[in-house]
Amino acid sequence: MKKRRRPRPTPSLRGAAMADINITPMVDVLLCLLILVMVIQPGLLKGLDVQVPPPEAAGEMKANAARDQIVLQVGPGPAYSLNQAGVSTDQLEERIREVFKDRTRKVLFIKGTEDVSYAEVIRAIDVARGAGVRVIGLVPREQEPAKKDRTED
């Protein structure tokens, strides 16, 4: 029986690096990046917690509206009115503080007109929070009745 011989490396390959890819370090780096993203992502989310009543409850809310409800209407421009009384932008926070200083229930409803931007409503919410209002409700728009398409045969 003959002994097997190992093939001798050619002289050009003696000092060369191996061409095998080691993926373990790459997987380690990717897992670390994944963990970092999972930890950091919840802190990057910005939002505003609001509770909007369903459209059916909006009609009931109008029917059962109490006299102590304060409604801030936001119009384009921005134009503000607090319980139908116009308020300038400069005096809005001061006027809200004045209205709520003796009240134990600090609830404000904000109603935006159809052509008001989202940023103007958020600005009104920020001003109200700065004035000490604890609970802010958003008044939903009234839904138009659905138009029925009648096709004549």
C-alpha atoms as a PDB file:
ATOM      1  CA  MET A   1       0.000   0.000   0.000  1.00  0.00           C
ATOM      2  CA  LYS A   2       1.319   3.330  -1.012  1.00  0.00           C
ATOM      3  CA  LYS A   3       1.362   6.318   1.226  1.00  0.00           C
ATOM      4  CA  ARG A   4      -0.613   9.237   0.045  1.00  0.00           C
ATOM      5  CA  ARG A   5       1.296  12.341  -0.473  1.00  0.00           C
ATOM      6  CA  ARG A   6       0.057  15.752   0.378  1.00  0.00           C
ATOM      7  CA  PRO A   7       0.103  18.075  -2.499  1.00  0.00           C
ATOM      8  CA  ARG A   8       2.783  20.634  -2.042  1.00  0.00           C
ATOM      9  CA  PRO A   9       1.678  24.223  -2.150  1.00  0.00           C
ATOM     10  CA  THR A  10       2.979  26.097  -5.082  1.00  0.00           C
ATOM     11  CA  PRO A  11       5.608  28.657  -4.258  1.00  0.00           C
ATOM     12  CA  SER A  12       3.285  31.571  -5.077  1.00  0.00           C
ATOM     13  CA  LEU A  13       0.657  30.524  -2.455  1.00  0.00           C
ATOM     14  CA  ARG A  14       2.932  29.947   0.527  1.00  0.00           C
ATOM     15  CA  GLY A  15       2.528  33.397   2.108  1.00  0.00           C
ATOM     16  CA  ALA A  16      -0.926  34.293   0.720  1.00  0.00           C
ATOM     17  CA  ALA A  17      -4.007  34.788   2.874  1.00  0.00           C
ATOM     18  CA  MET A  18      -6.846  32.340   2.748  1.00  0.00           C
ATOM     19  CA  ALA A  19      -9.874  33.305   0.676  1.00  0.00           C
ATOM     20  CA  ASP A  20     -12.473  31.925   3.119  1.00  0.00           C
ATOM     21  CA  ILE A  21     -14.949  34.525   4.428  1.00  0.00           C
ATOM     22  CA  ASN A  22     -15.472  34.640   8.172  1.00  0.00           C
ATOM     23  CA  ILE A  23     -19.046  35.855   8.698  1.00  0.00           C
ATOM     24  CA  THR A  24     -19.061  35.656  12.493  1.00  0.00           C
ATOM     25  CA  PRO A  25     -17.792  39.231  13.042  1.00  0.00           C
ATOM     26  CA  MET A  26     -20.249  40.553  10.463  1.00  0.00           C
ATOM     27  CA  VAL A  27     -23.168  38.836  12.228  1.00  0.00           C
ATOM     28  CA  ASP A  28     -21.972  40.203  15.591  1.00  0.00           C
ATOM     29  CA  VAL A  29     -21.926  43.752  14.230  1.00  0.00           C
ATOM     30  CA  LEU A  30     -25.374  43.373  12.661  1.00  0.00           C
ATOM     31  CA  LEU A  31     -26.851  42.017  15.898  1.00  0.00           C
ATOM     32  CA  CYS A  32     -25.375  44.913  17.877  1.00  0.00           C
ATOM     33  CA  LEU A  33     -26.850  47.395  15.390  1.00  0.00           C
ATOM     34  CA  LEU A  34     -30.226  45.669  15.599  1.00  0.00           C
ATOM     35  CA  ILE A  35     -30.216  45.866  19.398  1.00  0.00           C
ATOM     36  CA  LEU A  36     -29.238  49.548  19.291  1.00  0.00           C
ATOM     37  CA  VAL A  37     -32.055  50.358  16.894  1.00  0.00           C
ATOM     38  CA  MET A  38     -34.572  48.451  19.026  1.00  0.00           C
ATOM     39  CA  VAL A  39     -33.477  50.326  22.163  1.00  0.00           C
ATOM     40  CA  ILE A  40     -33.301  53.794  20.598  1.00  0.00           C
ATOM     41  CA  GLN A  41     -36.436  53.659  18.404  1.00  0.00           C
ATOM     42  CA  PRO A  42     -39.115  54.071  21.136  1.00  0.00           C
ATOM     43  CA  GLY A  43     -37.392  57.233  22.351  1.00  0.00           C
ATOM     44  CA  LEU A  44     -37.551  58.805  18.897  1.00  0.00           C
ATOM     45  CA  LEU A  45     -41.318  58.535  18.594  1.00  0.00           C
ATOM     46  CA  LYS A  46     -43.139  61.771  19.200  1.00  0.00           C
ATOM     47  CA  GLY A  47     -46.854  61.933  19.508  1.00  0.00           C
ATOM     48  CA  LEU A  48     -49.805  63.434  21.208  1.00  0.00           C
ATOM     49  CA  ASP A  49     -52.207  61.332  23.248  1.00  0.00           C
ATOM     50  CA  VAL A  50     -55.750  62.301  22.417  1.00  0.00           C
ATOM     51  CA  GLN A  51     -59.155  60.735  22.814  1.00  0.00           C
ATOM     52  CA  VAL A  52     -61.644  61.566  20.113  1.00  0.00           C
ATOM     53  CA  PRO A  53     -65.247  60.478  20.601  1.00  0.00           C
ATOM     54  CA  PRO A  54     -66.869  58.464  17.838  1.00  0.00           C
ATOM     55  CA  PRO A  55     -69.076  60.487  15.450  1.00  0.00           C
ATOM     56  CA  GLU A  56     -72.259  59.041  16.964  1.00  0.00           C
ATOM     57  CA  ALA A  57     -71.300  60.370  20.405  1.00  0.00           C
ATOM     58  CA  ALA A  58     -70.601  63.856  19.039  1.00  0.00           C
ATOM     59  CA  GLY A  59     -74.317  64.489  18.502  1.00  0.00           C
ATOM     60  CA  GLU A  60     -75.119  63.290  22.009  1.00  0.00           C
ATOM     61  CA  MET A  61     -72.355  65.496  23.391  1.00  0.00           C
ATOM     62  CA  LYS A  62     -73.959  68.556  21.799  1.00  0.00           C
ATOM     63  CA  ALA A  63     -77.396  67.643  23.156  1.00  0.00           C
ATOM     64  CA  ASN A  64     -76.070  67.097  26.682  1.00  0.00           C
ATOM     65  CA  ALA A  65     -73.644  70.035  26.695  1.00  0.00           C
ATOM     66  CA  ALA A  66     -73.274  71.602  30.130  1.00  0.00           C
ATOM     67  CA  ARG A  67     -72.904  75.311  30.729  1.00  0.00           C
ATOM     68  CA  ASP A  68     -69.463  74.910  32.249  1.00  0.00           C
ATOM     69  CA  GLN A  69     -67.878  73.626  29.044  1.00  0.00           C
ATOM     70  CA  ILE A  70     -65.253  75.893  27.550  1.00  0.00           C
ATOM     71  CA  VAL A  71     -64.729  75.609  23.790  1.00  0.00           C
ATOM     72  CA  LEU A  72     -61.756  77.145  22.006  1.00  0.00           C
ATOM     73  CA  GLN A  73     -62.434  77.472  18.304  1.00  0.00           C
ATOM     74  CA  VAL A  74     -59.383  77.675  16.046  1.00  0.00           C
ATOM     75  CA  GLY A  75     -59.759  79.290  12.644  1.00  0.00           C
ATOM     76  CA  PRO A  76     -57.282  79.919   9.845  1.00  0.00           C
ATOM     77  CA  GLY A  77     -54.817  82.674  10.316  1.00  0.00           C
ATOM     78  CA  PRO A  78     -54.878  81.643  13.278  1.00  0.00           C
ATOM     79  CA  ALA A  79     -58.036  83.219  14.664  1.00  0.00           C
ATOM     80  CA  TYR A  80     -59.196  82.116  18.105  1.00  0.00           C
ATOM     81  CA  SER A  81     -62.530  82.432  19.869  1.00  0.00           C
ATOM     82  CA  LEU A  82     -63.169  81.248  23.415  1.00  0.00           C
ATOM     83  CA  ASN A  83     -66.884  80.419  23.866  1.00  0.00           C
ATOM     84  CA  GLN A  84     -67.792  82.566  20.850  1.00  0.00           C
ATOM     85  CA  ALA A  85     -65.763  85.573  22.135  1.00  0.00           C
ATOM     86  CA  GLY A  86     -62.842  86.534  19.909  1.00  0.00           C
ATOM     87  CA  VAL A  87     -59.369  86.398  21.460  1.00  0.00           C
ATOM     88  CA  SER A  88     -56.150  87.695  19.947  1.00  0.00           C
ATOM     89  CA  THR A  89     -53.154  85.391  19.599  1.00  0.00           C
ATOM     90  CA  ASP A  90     -51.111  87.448  22.082  1.00  0.00           C
ATOM     91  CA  GLN A  91     -53.770  87.299  24.800  1.00  0.00           C
ATOM     92  CA  LEU A  92     -54.867  83.687  24.326  1.00  0.00           C
ATOM     93  CA  GLU A  93     -52.809  82.122  27.130  1.00  0.00           C
ATOM     94  CA  GLU A  94     -53.639  84.921  29.554  1.00  0.00           C
ATOM     95  CA  ARG A  95     -57.372  84.660  28.758  1.00  0.00           C
ATOM     96  CA  ILE A  96     -57.362  80.859  29.227  1.00  0.00           C
ATOM     97  CA  ARG A  97     -55.613  81.240  32.610  1.00  0.00           C
ATOM     98  CA  GLU A  98     -58.180  83.805  33.653  1.00  0.00           C
ATOM     99  CA  VAL A  99     -61.088  81.527  32.699  1.00  0.00           C
ATOM    100  CA  PHE A 100     -59.670  78.469  34.485  1.00  0.00           C
ATOM    101  CA  LYS A 101     -58.168  80.080  37.613  1.00  0.00           C
ATOM    102  CA  ASP A 102     -61.244  79.433  39.817  1.00  0.00           C
ATOM    103  CA  ARG A 103     -62.338  76.174  38.223  1.00  0.00           C
ATOM    104  CA  THR A 104     -61.590  72.824  39.772  1.00  0.00           C
ATOM    105  CA  ARG A 105     -62.359  70.977  36.535  1.00  0.00           C
ATOM    106  CA  LYS A 106     -59.771  72.121  34.025  1.00  0.00           C
ATOM    107  CA  VAL A 107     -61.244  70.745  30.802  1.00  0.00           C
ATOM    108  CA  LEU A 108     -61.042  72.552  27.474  1.00  0.00           C
ATOM    109  CA  PHE A 109     -62.569  71.484  24.160  1.00  0.00           C
ATOM    110  CA  ILE A 110     -60.802  72.554  20.986  1.00  0.00           C
ATOM    111  CA  LYS A 111     -62.685  72.795  17.727  1.00  0.00           C
ATOM    112  CA  GLY A 112     -60.876  73.454  14.469  1.00  0.00           C
ATOM    113  CA  THR A 113     -62.618  74.753  11.384  1.00  0.00           C
ATOM    114  CA  GLU A 114     -62.379  72.835   8.114  1.00  0.00           C
ATOM    115  CA  ASP A 115     -59.649  74.977   6.599  1.00  0.00           C
ATOM    116  CA  VAL A 116     -57.372  75.220   9.648  1.00  0.00           C
ATOM    117  CA  SER A 117     -53.991  73.503   9.548  1.00  0.00           C
ATOM    118  CA  TYR A 118     -52.951  70.760  11.938  1.00  0.00           C
ATOM    119  CA  ALA A 119     -50.055  72.901  13.229  1.00  0.00           C
ATOM    120  CA  GLU A 120     -52.423  75.683  14.332  1.00  0.00           C
ATOM    121  CA  VAL A 121     -54.539  73.240  16.355  1.00  0.00           C
ATOM    122  CA  ILE A 122     -51.412  71.772  17.986  1.00  0.00           C
ATOM    123  CA  ARG A 123     -50.200  75.297  18.786  1.00  0.00           C
ATOM    124  CA  ALA A 124     -53.545  75.977  20.521  1.00  0.00           C
ATOM    125  CA  ILE A 125     -53.158  72.737  22.507  1.00  0.00           C
ATOM    126  CA  ASP A 126     -49.651  73.793  23.583  1.00  0.00           C
ATOM    127  CA  VAL A 127     -50.888  77.220  24.693  1.00  0.00           C
ATOM    128  CA  ALA A 128     -53.723  75.623  26.666  1.00  0.00           C
ATOM    129  CA  ARG A 129     -51.336  73.196  28.390  1.00  0.00           C
ATOM    130  CA  GLY A 130     -49.062  76.116  29.233  1.00  0.00           C
ATOM    131  CA  ALA A 131     -52.042  77.932  30.752  1.00  0.00           C
ATOM    132  CA  GLY A 132     -52.701  75.037  33.132  1.00  0.00           C
ATOM    133  CA  VAL A 133     -55.446  73.106  31.366  1.00  0.00           C
ATOM    134  CA  ARG A 134     -55.172  69.445  32.352  1.00  0.00           C
ATOM    135  CA  VAL A 135     -57.654  67.751  29.998  1.00  0.00           C
ATOM    136  CA  ILE A 136     -58.051  68.769  26.374  1.00  0.00           C
ATOM    137  CA  GLY A 137     -60.786  67.352  24.193  1.00  0.00           C
ATOM    138  CA  LEU A 138     -60.965  67.674  20.442  1.00  0.00           C
ATOM    139  CA  VAL A 139     -64.382  68.255  18.929  1.00  0.00           C
ATOM    140  CA  PRO A 140     -64.773  66.159  15.771  1.00  0.00           C
ATOM    141  CA  ARG A 141     -66.208  67.577  12.576  1.00  0.00           C
ATOM    142  CA  GLU A 142     -69.753  66.718  11.716  1.00  0.00           C
ATOM    143  CA  GLN A 143     -69.954  64.108   9.028  1.00  0.00           C
ATOM    144  CA  GLU A 144     -71.961  64.898   5.960  1.00  0.00           C
ATOM    145  CA  PRO A 145     -74.689  62.405   5.179  1.00  0.00           C
ATOM    146  CA  ALA A 146     -73.594  59.893   2.597  1.00  0.00           C
ATOM    147  CA  LYS A 147     -74.923  60.619  -0.849  1.00  0.00           C
ATOM    148  CA  LYS A 148     -76.714  57.729  -2.385  1.00  0.00           C
ATOM    149  CA  ASP A 149     -76.140  57.133  -6.051  1.00  0.00           C
ATOM    150  CA  ARG A 150     -79.375  56.197  -7.702  1.00  0.00           C
ATOM    151  CA  THR A 151     -79.140  54.608 -11.041  1.00  0.00           C
ATOM    152  CA  GLU A 152     -82.228  54.480 -13.135  1.00  0.00           C
ATOM    153  CA  ASP A 153     -82.856  51.330 -15.080  1.00  0.00           C
END
